[in-house]
Structures are given as structure tokens and as C-alpha cells.
């Protein structure tokens, strides 16, 4: 089983000293996000975690402090990635509270599951996995830009958790309208795959091509595949496919998957390895640590990336207001 063999055959862990640096992790209290938060704290970073449930956040802090000590710099605050107005308030407050942000890890998400809509009446896969976290990036980007200009400071990094399942996105995806996104006829795995495709496109043809390059910002935006990982998300197969198939998929994924710690290695590499800057790997998708992935044809389509970028801005302005989006040229 992969989970048993992982320490021998799997990717190697790479993380560097993070003393003095500040990290923000969505979905940081559970699974892969928790392991990233834990590794950051143990290597000297000040870490902020966010997810929906307070009991999960407090339990994560208690567990990390048992290992790192009571003086560990770690905080948790609540936010629902399916509520754009809540995201706006929470992360505007965060931007005012903190003086710097070195590492932004977008790890919140839901697995393949049945169609449903969020508080904002948007397909929950699309909003939680992509749109809400994209909005987080926009709201804290001025702080990343400010940090990038500090002396003797490594380039801040933005790291999204995506998946090889981006290949399962519908073949007719256009990212043209909200009506296209809110289509309950799209299959469960396709709903998930579409969001992971959006992440790769949004990083490469959105953040890199439309923000970082035009502004000449010293910021890296990356996406990573963690592998199949034994987290609570695997239980969602039972909801996605009720009955025997869902139970079988959950059993297989749990048996073959990596541990959450090993699943964090791709993000830890992307967030901290000097090799990323040395090789100029900005906008890249990594299928494993130090392994640039081979995206699908859809994930390599700049016109699809442009459509996603425009649609994401339109939806946020429609749901939150015309002034919802922070000017990408702004510094904190």
C-alpha cells in the first residue's frame, strides 16, 4: 500500500528555516493544511490558520503547541470559503492587522461530491476550491507586495493545492458564465476536476500573466498536486456516489493514499525551496516536489485562463459589489 511504502518510495520532505516570516493557510486546521501549518511553526514561522469550525482550529493549535511549545506563534480565525462577503471582511481585517505576509497557502477545499450551492448561490466546488481562495489572494496581495520590497527578504510565495484530477474537467468547459458553472447536470468528479483546472489556469494565466509580470512583482505563484491523501476528504466519496461504489472508492483511496504529512511535501517544497527561484519556476504546476507537472491541454490554454480570470472578477463584483476587488497594483 502506498501509505505504508510512502516513507521509502515517496517524495522527500524539503523545508527551510522560516524564522521571522509570516504564513497564512486556508484550511489549515485539518489534513494537508494542518501538516503544512505544523511544519511552518516547527521551522520558525508565525502562522495564521483559517477554516470554518472553531473546535477544529483550537484542536490544531493545541496539538501543534504540544510539539512546538507554548510559545509557538500560531493563531486561528474562522472563515467560510463559500461566503464572499465574509471573506472580504475577514481578510481585510487580516491585512490591516499584519505588517507582512511571506507565505500564502490555499489548502481549503472539498472533494468530488454531489452538486450543491453555497451561501452565494454558486456551485460549492467552484467557490470553495477556487473562487473564494482566489478572492483571498486578491485581498491580501497588497501585503505580499509590501513584503516583497523588504530588504533581505525571499520572494513571497502563493501556493494552491490542485490535483492531477484537473484532467477530469468537462471537455466543454468555457468559464463563460455563472450559469455554466451552476449546472447540476455536471458529474461529481467533473465538478471537482473543473475547480482543479481553474487553479492551474488561474495561477499561470491569471496571477502570473496578469498581475506578477505586468507589475514586475518579486512574488511566486504556484500550484501543486499532493497525491491521493488519507484525509477526511476521502469520506466524501460516499456522499458523491451513495451505495457500494462510494464505499469502494473510499476504501481504495484510503488504502492507496499518502499520509497527510507526505501529502504536504509538494506544498512545502513549493513554498520554501530555493530551487524554485533559482530555476525561475514561477506559475508552475508541480506533480511532486521538484517535479514540474504536465498539464492537460485545457490547463495549457491561455484563452481559457483569460475567460476564467474575467469570470472570477465578474462574479465577485456581482455578489459583493463593484468595489469588491482590490486593485492588483496596490501595496499595503
Protein backbone atom coordinates (compact mmCIF):
# COMPACT_ATOMS: atom_id res chain seq x y z
CA UNK A 1 0.00 0.00 0.00
CA UNK A 2 1.23 3.46 -0.86
CA UNK A 3 0.63 4.79 2.64
CA UNK A 4 2.90 2.08 4.07
CA UNK A 5 5.57 2.38 1.38
CA UNK A 6 5.50 6.16 1.25
CA UNK A 7 8.45 6.76 3.61
CA UNK A 8 10.57 4.56 1.34
CA UNK A 9 9.25 5.27 -2.14
CA UNK A 10 7.52 8.62 -1.87
CA UNK A 11 8.69 12.20 -2.26
CA UNK A 12 11.22 13.64 0.13
CA UNK A 13 10.44 16.41 2.56
CA UNK A 14 12.12 19.76 1.96
CA UNK A 15 11.56 22.76 4.18
CA UNK A 16 13.87 25.60 5.19
CA UNK A 17 14.30 27.97 8.12
CA UNK A 18 11.32 30.35 8.28
CA UNK A 19 12.33 32.46 11.27
CA UNK A 20 10.79 35.92 11.06
CA UNK A 21 8.42 35.01 8.25
CA UNK A 22 4.61 35.10 8.37
CA UNK A 23 2.37 32.45 6.81
CA UNK A 24 -1.38 32.27 6.17
CA UNK A 25 -3.01 28.90 5.45
CA UNK A 26 -6.63 28.40 4.42
CA UNK A 27 -7.91 25.02 5.54
CA UNK A 28 -5.01 24.98 7.99
CA UNK A 29 -6.67 23.06 10.82
CA UNK A 30 -7.15 19.74 9.04
CA UNK A 31 -5.36 17.27 6.79
CA UNK A 32 -2.69 18.62 4.47
CA UNK A 33 -3.24 22.19 5.64
CA UNK A 34 -2.60 21.16 9.23
CA UNK A 35 0.64 19.40 8.30
CA UNK A 36 1.81 22.50 6.42
CA UNK A 37 0.96 24.71 9.41
CA UNK A 38 2.76 22.32 11.74
CA UNK A 39 5.89 22.24 9.58
CA UNK A 40 5.94 26.03 9.25
CA UNK A 41 5.65 26.54 13.02
CA UNK A 42 8.35 23.97 13.76
CA UNK A 43 10.64 25.83 11.38
CA UNK A 44 10.17 29.22 12.98
CA UNK A 45 7.30 30.90 11.12
CA UNK A 46 4.43 32.85 12.60
CA UNK A 47 1.36 31.04 11.28
CA UNK A 48 -2.28 32.01 10.83
CA UNK A 49 -4.78 29.25 10.05
CA UNK A 50 -8.35 29.64 8.90
CA UNK A 51 -11.29 27.31 8.37
CA UNK A 52 -14.95 27.20 9.38
CA UNK A 53 -15.10 25.35 12.71
CA UNK A 54 -13.61 26.74 15.90
CA UNK A 55 -13.25 23.36 17.59
CA UNK A 56 -11.05 22.18 14.72
CA UNK A 57 -8.90 25.30 14.87
CA UNK A 58 -8.39 25.12 18.62
CA UNK A 59 -7.61 21.40 18.50
CA UNK A 60 -4.99 22.04 15.81
CA UNK A 61 -3.34 24.79 17.85
CA UNK A 62 -3.25 22.62 20.97
CA UNK A 63 -1.67 19.74 19.09
CA UNK A 64 0.97 21.91 17.42
CA UNK A 65 1.84 23.63 20.71
CA UNK A 66 2.37 20.24 22.36
CA UNK A 67 5.13 19.64 19.83
CA UNK A 68 6.47 23.15 19.29
CA UNK A 69 6.00 24.58 22.78
CA UNK A 70 3.52 27.00 24.31
CA UNK A 71 5.35 29.97 22.81
CA UNK A 72 4.73 28.77 19.27
CA UNK A 73 3.43 31.60 17.09
CA UNK A 74 0.17 30.22 15.74
CA UNK A 75 -3.33 31.70 15.56
CA UNK A 76 -6.64 30.58 14.10
CA UNK A 77 -9.63 32.57 12.87
CA UNK A 78 -12.89 31.46 11.24
CA UNK A 79 -13.88 31.98 7.63
CA UNK A 80 -16.25 30.22 5.26
CA UNK A 81 -14.80 29.96 1.74
CA UNK A 82 -18.37 29.69 0.48
CA UNK A 83 -19.27 33.23 1.61
CA UNK A 84 -17.60 36.03 -0.36
CA UNK A 85 -18.80 38.84 1.89
CA UNK A 86 -17.40 37.05 4.92
CA UNK A 87 -14.10 36.52 3.09
CA UNK A 88 -13.94 40.24 2.34
CA UNK A 89 -14.40 41.24 5.97
CA UNK A 90 -12.07 38.62 7.42
CA UNK A 91 -9.15 39.21 5.10
CA UNK A 92 -9.46 42.98 5.01
CA UNK A 93 -9.12 42.80 8.80
CA UNK A 94 -6.13 40.47 8.44
CA UNK A 95 -4.45 42.86 6.00
CA UNK A 96 -4.80 45.71 8.50
CA UNK A 97 -3.58 43.56 11.40
CA UNK A 98 -0.36 42.18 9.92
CA UNK A 99 2.72 44.05 8.74
CA UNK A 100 3.92 41.37 6.33
CA UNK A 101 2.94 38.13 4.59
CA UNK A 102 5.60 35.81 3.19
CA UNK A 103 3.71 32.58 2.52
CA UNK A 104 0.10 32.18 1.41
CA UNK A 105 -1.07 28.57 1.18
CA UNK A 106 -4.53 27.90 -0.29
CA UNK A 107 -5.38 24.47 1.10
CA UNK A 108 -9.11 24.67 1.83
CA UNK A 109 -11.30 22.51 -0.36
CA UNK A 110 -13.91 19.82 -0.86
CA UNK A 111 -13.51 16.57 -2.74
CA UNK A 112 -15.64 15.22 -5.59
CA UNK A 113 -19.19 15.32 -4.30
CA UNK A 114 -22.75 15.88 -5.39
CA UNK A 115 -23.76 19.25 -6.78
CA UNK A 116 -24.76 21.85 -4.23
CA UNK A 117 -24.67 25.62 -3.88
CA UNK A 118 -23.04 27.91 -1.31
CA UNK A 119 -24.39 30.85 0.65
CA UNK A 120 -23.69 32.89 -2.50
CA UNK A 121 -25.71 30.52 -4.73
CA UNK A 122 -22.59 29.32 -6.56
CA UNK A 123 -21.56 25.72 -7.21
CA UNK A 124 -19.85 24.83 -3.93
CA UNK A 125 -16.92 23.08 -5.58
CA UNK A 126 -16.12 26.13 -7.69
CA UNK A 127 -16.47 28.67 -4.88
CA UNK A 128 -14.71 26.78 -2.09
CA UNK A 129 -11.88 25.28 -4.15
CA UNK A 130 -11.20 28.22 -6.47
CA UNK A 131 -13.24 31.42 -6.30
CA UNK A 132 -13.20 32.03 -2.55
CA UNK A 133 -9.48 31.36 -2.30
CA UNK A 134 -8.76 33.48 -5.37
CA UNK A 135 -10.56 36.30 -3.56
CA UNK A 136 -8.32 35.72 -0.52
CA UNK A 137 -5.29 36.21 -2.76
CA UNK A 138 -6.71 39.45 -4.12
CA UNK A 139 -7.47 40.83 -0.65
CA UNK A 140 -4.03 40.13 0.81
CA UNK A 141 -1.99 40.76 -2.34
CA UNK A 142 -1.06 44.31 -1.22
CA UNK A 143 0.57 42.76 1.85
CA UNK A 144 2.50 40.29 -0.29
CA UNK A 145 3.71 43.16 -2.49
CA UNK A 146 4.79 45.15 0.57
CA UNK A 147 6.73 42.14 1.90
CA UNK A 148 8.40 41.57 -1.47
CA UNK A 149 10.00 45.01 -1.19
CA UNK A 150 11.55 44.45 2.24
CA UNK A 151 15.36 44.19 2.29
CA UNK A 152 16.99 40.78 2.59
CA UNK A 153 13.64 39.01 2.19
CA UNK A 154 12.98 35.97 -0.01
CA UNK A 155 10.24 36.42 -2.59
CA UNK A 156 6.80 35.79 -1.07
CA UNK A 157 5.04 32.71 -2.43
CA UNK A 158 1.45 31.82 -3.16
CA UNK A 159 0.77 28.07 -3.29
CA UNK A 160 -2.55 26.50 -4.32
CA UNK A 161 -3.42 22.83 -3.78
CA UNK A 162 -4.64 21.49 -7.11
CA UNK A 163 -4.73 17.92 -8.46
CA UNK A 164 -3.99 15.61 -11.34
CA UNK A 165 -7.77 15.28 -11.40
CA UNK A 166 -7.82 18.56 -13.35
CA UNK A 167 -7.80 16.18 -16.32
CA UNK A 168 -11.37 15.19 -15.39
CA UNK A 169 -12.81 18.66 -16.05
CA UNK A 170 -15.68 18.69 -18.58
CA UNK A 171 -14.38 18.84 -22.13
CA UNK A 172 -16.81 21.65 -22.96
CA UNK A 173 -15.78 23.98 -20.11
CA UNK A 174 -15.59 27.64 -21.19
CA UNK A 175 -15.68 29.61 -17.91
CA UNK A 176 -18.04 31.97 -19.71
CA UNK A 177 -20.96 32.49 -17.32
CA UNK A 178 -22.17 31.68 -13.82
CA UNK A 179 -24.98 29.70 -15.45
CA UNK A 180 -22.37 27.39 -16.94
CA UNK A 181 -20.80 26.90 -13.51
CA UNK A 182 -24.16 26.31 -11.78
CA UNK A 183 -25.08 23.26 -13.82
CA UNK A 184 -26.31 20.34 -11.69
CA UNK A 185 -26.01 18.03 -14.70
CA UNK A 186 -22.20 18.10 -14.47
CA UNK A 187 -20.85 14.88 -12.92
CA UNK A 188 -19.38 14.77 -9.42
CA UNK A 189 -15.81 14.10 -10.48
CA UNK A 190 -16.10 16.66 -13.28
CA UNK A 191 -17.23 19.32 -10.79
CA UNK A 192 -14.09 18.66 -8.77
CA UNK A 193 -11.84 18.43 -11.82
CA UNK A 194 -13.13 21.76 -13.14
CA UNK A 195 -12.03 23.52 -9.95
CA UNK A 196 -8.57 21.99 -10.08
CA UNK A 197 -8.28 23.05 -13.72
CA UNK A 198 -9.31 26.56 -12.66
CA UNK A 199 -6.48 26.67 -10.11
CA UNK A 200 -3.78 25.80 -12.65
CA UNK A 201 -5.20 28.29 -15.17
CA UNK A 202 -5.67 30.98 -12.54
CA UNK A 203 -2.11 30.70 -11.33
CA UNK A 204 -0.44 30.60 -14.73
CA UNK A 205 -2.60 32.82 -16.93
CA UNK A 206 -4.11 34.93 -14.16
CA UNK A 207 -1.77 35.73 -11.30
CA UNK A 208 1.46 35.31 -13.26
CA UNK A 209 0.50 36.78 -16.64
CA UNK A 210 -1.95 39.46 -15.49
CA UNK A 211 -0.50 40.60 -12.18
CA UNK A 212 3.03 39.49 -11.35
CA UNK A 213 4.65 40.03 -14.75
CA UNK A 214 2.97 43.38 -15.60
CA UNK A 215 3.81 44.74 -12.13
CA UNK A 216 7.30 43.22 -12.16
CA UNK A 217 6.50 41.84 -8.71
CA UNK A 218 9.02 39.64 -6.93
CA UNK A 219 6.31 37.15 -5.94
CA UNK A 220 5.93 33.50 -6.95
CA UNK A 221 2.56 31.85 -7.62
CA UNK A 222 2.48 28.06 -7.88
CA UNK A 223 0.10 25.11 -7.79
CA UNK A 224 0.83 21.61 -6.55
CA UNK A 225 -0.60 18.11 -6.68
CA UNK A 226 -0.39 16.48 -3.21
CA UNK A 227 -1.11 12.97 -4.43
CA UNK A 228 -4.03 10.87 -3.19
CA UNK A 229 -4.00 11.53 0.54
CA UNK A 230 -5.64 9.80 3.51
CA UNK A 231 -7.69 12.70 4.85
CA UNK A 232 -11.32 13.08 5.88
CA UNK A 233 -11.98 14.32 2.33
CA UNK A 234 -11.85 10.71 1.13
CA UNK A 235 -15.06 10.04 3.07
CA UNK A 236 -16.83 12.38 0.64
CA UNK A 237 -16.77 9.63 -1.99
CA UNK A 238 -19.64 8.05 0.00
CA UNK A 239 -21.70 11.21 -0.48
CA UNK A 240 -20.68 11.63 -4.10
CA UNK A 241 -21.64 8.05 -5.02
CA UNK A 242 -24.11 6.66 -2.47
CA UNK A 243 -24.06 2.91 -2.07
CA UNK A 244 -21.42 0.31 -2.78
CA UNK A 245 -19.41 2.37 -5.31
CA UNK A 246 -18.84 5.19 -2.83
CA UNK A 247 -17.75 2.77 -0.12
CA UNK A 248 -15.37 1.04 -2.53
CA UNK A 249 -13.84 4.33 -3.69
CA UNK A 250 -13.30 5.46 -0.10
CA UNK A 251 -11.69 2.14 0.84
CA UNK A 252 -9.39 2.14 -2.19
CA UNK A 253 -8.31 5.76 -1.75
CA UNK A 254 -7.60 5.30 1.95
CA UNK A 255 -5.62 2.14 1.28
CA UNK A 256 -3.55 3.57 -1.58
CA UNK A 257 -3.19 7.14 -0.37
CA UNK A 258 -0.32 9.03 1.18
CA UNK A 259 -0.37 10.16 4.77
CA UNK A 260 -1.38 13.82 5.23
CA UNK A 261 2.23 14.58 6.20
CA UNK A 262 3.54 13.14 2.94
CA UNK A 263 0.74 14.91 1.09
CA UNK A 264 2.10 18.22 2.40
CA UNK A 265 5.55 17.75 0.87
CA UNK A 266 4.70 19.24 -2.54
CA UNK A 267 3.41 22.44 -0.95
CA UNK A 268 6.34 22.65 1.48
CA UNK A 269 8.75 22.36 -1.43
CA UNK A 270 6.90 24.98 -3.48
CA UNK A 271 6.71 27.35 -0.51
CA UNK A 272 10.29 27.15 0.72
CA UNK A 273 12.75 25.60 -1.73
CA UNK A 274 15.39 28.00 -3.14
CA UNK A 275 15.33 25.89 -6.32
CA UNK A 276 12.01 27.46 -7.34
CA UNK A 277 13.63 30.88 -7.66
CA UNK A 278 16.93 29.54 -8.96
CA UNK A 279 15.15 27.89 -11.90
CA UNK A 280 12.58 30.65 -12.40
CA UNK A 281 9.66 28.28 -11.92
CA UNK A 282 7.03 30.98 -11.49
CA UNK A 283 3.48 29.98 -12.43
CA UNK A 284 4.43 26.30 -12.49
CA UNK A 285 2.32 23.27 -11.61
CA UNK A 286 4.20 20.61 -9.61
CA UNK A 287 3.04 16.99 -9.64
CA UNK A 288 5.54 16.18 -6.84
CA UNK A 289 8.33 18.10 -5.07
CA UNK A 290 10.79 19.42 -7.69
CA UNK A 291 8.74 17.76 -10.45
CA UNK A 292 7.04 20.22 -12.83
CA UNK A 293 3.85 18.52 -13.95
CA UNK A 294 2.49 18.01 -17.44
CA UNK A 295 -0.81 19.86 -17.60
CA UNK A 296 -3.74 18.84 -19.74
CA UNK A 297 -4.42 20.67 -23.00
CA UNK A 298 -7.17 22.66 -21.23
CA UNK A 299 -4.73 23.71 -18.49
CA UNK A 300 -2.37 24.99 -21.20
CA UNK A 301 -4.98 27.14 -22.94
CA UNK A 302 -4.37 30.89 -22.36
CA UNK A 303 -7.78 31.84 -23.75
CA UNK A 304 -9.45 29.59 -21.18
CA UNK A 305 -7.30 31.20 -18.49
CA UNK A 306 -8.38 34.66 -19.64
CA UNK A 307 -12.05 33.63 -19.54
CA UNK A 308 -11.66 32.28 -16.00
CA UNK A 309 -9.93 35.46 -14.85
CA UNK A 310 -12.71 37.66 -16.24
CA UNK A 311 -15.50 35.42 -14.91
CA UNK A 312 -13.98 35.31 -11.42
CA UNK A 313 -13.84 39.10 -11.22
CA UNK A 314 -17.39 39.45 -12.56
CA UNK A 315 -18.89 37.00 -10.07
CA UNK A 316 -17.17 38.60 -7.08
CA UNK A 317 -18.31 42.09 -8.10
CA UNK A 318 -21.85 40.80 -8.68
CA UNK A 319 -22.02 39.12 -5.27
CA UNK A 320 -20.06 41.62 -3.16
CA UNK A 321 -20.18 44.95 -5.00
CA UNK A 322 -18.37 46.94 -7.68
CA UNK A 323 -15.64 47.90 -5.22
CA UNK A 324 -15.07 44.32 -4.03
CA UNK A 325 -11.84 43.69 -5.93
CA UNK A 326 -8.68 45.29 -4.59
CA UNK A 327 -6.59 46.97 -7.30
CA UNK A 328 -3.83 44.48 -8.11
CA UNK A 329 -1.34 47.37 -8.25
CA UNK A 330 -1.97 48.40 -4.63
CA UNK A 331 0.59 47.95 -1.85
CA UNK A 332 -0.29 47.81 1.84
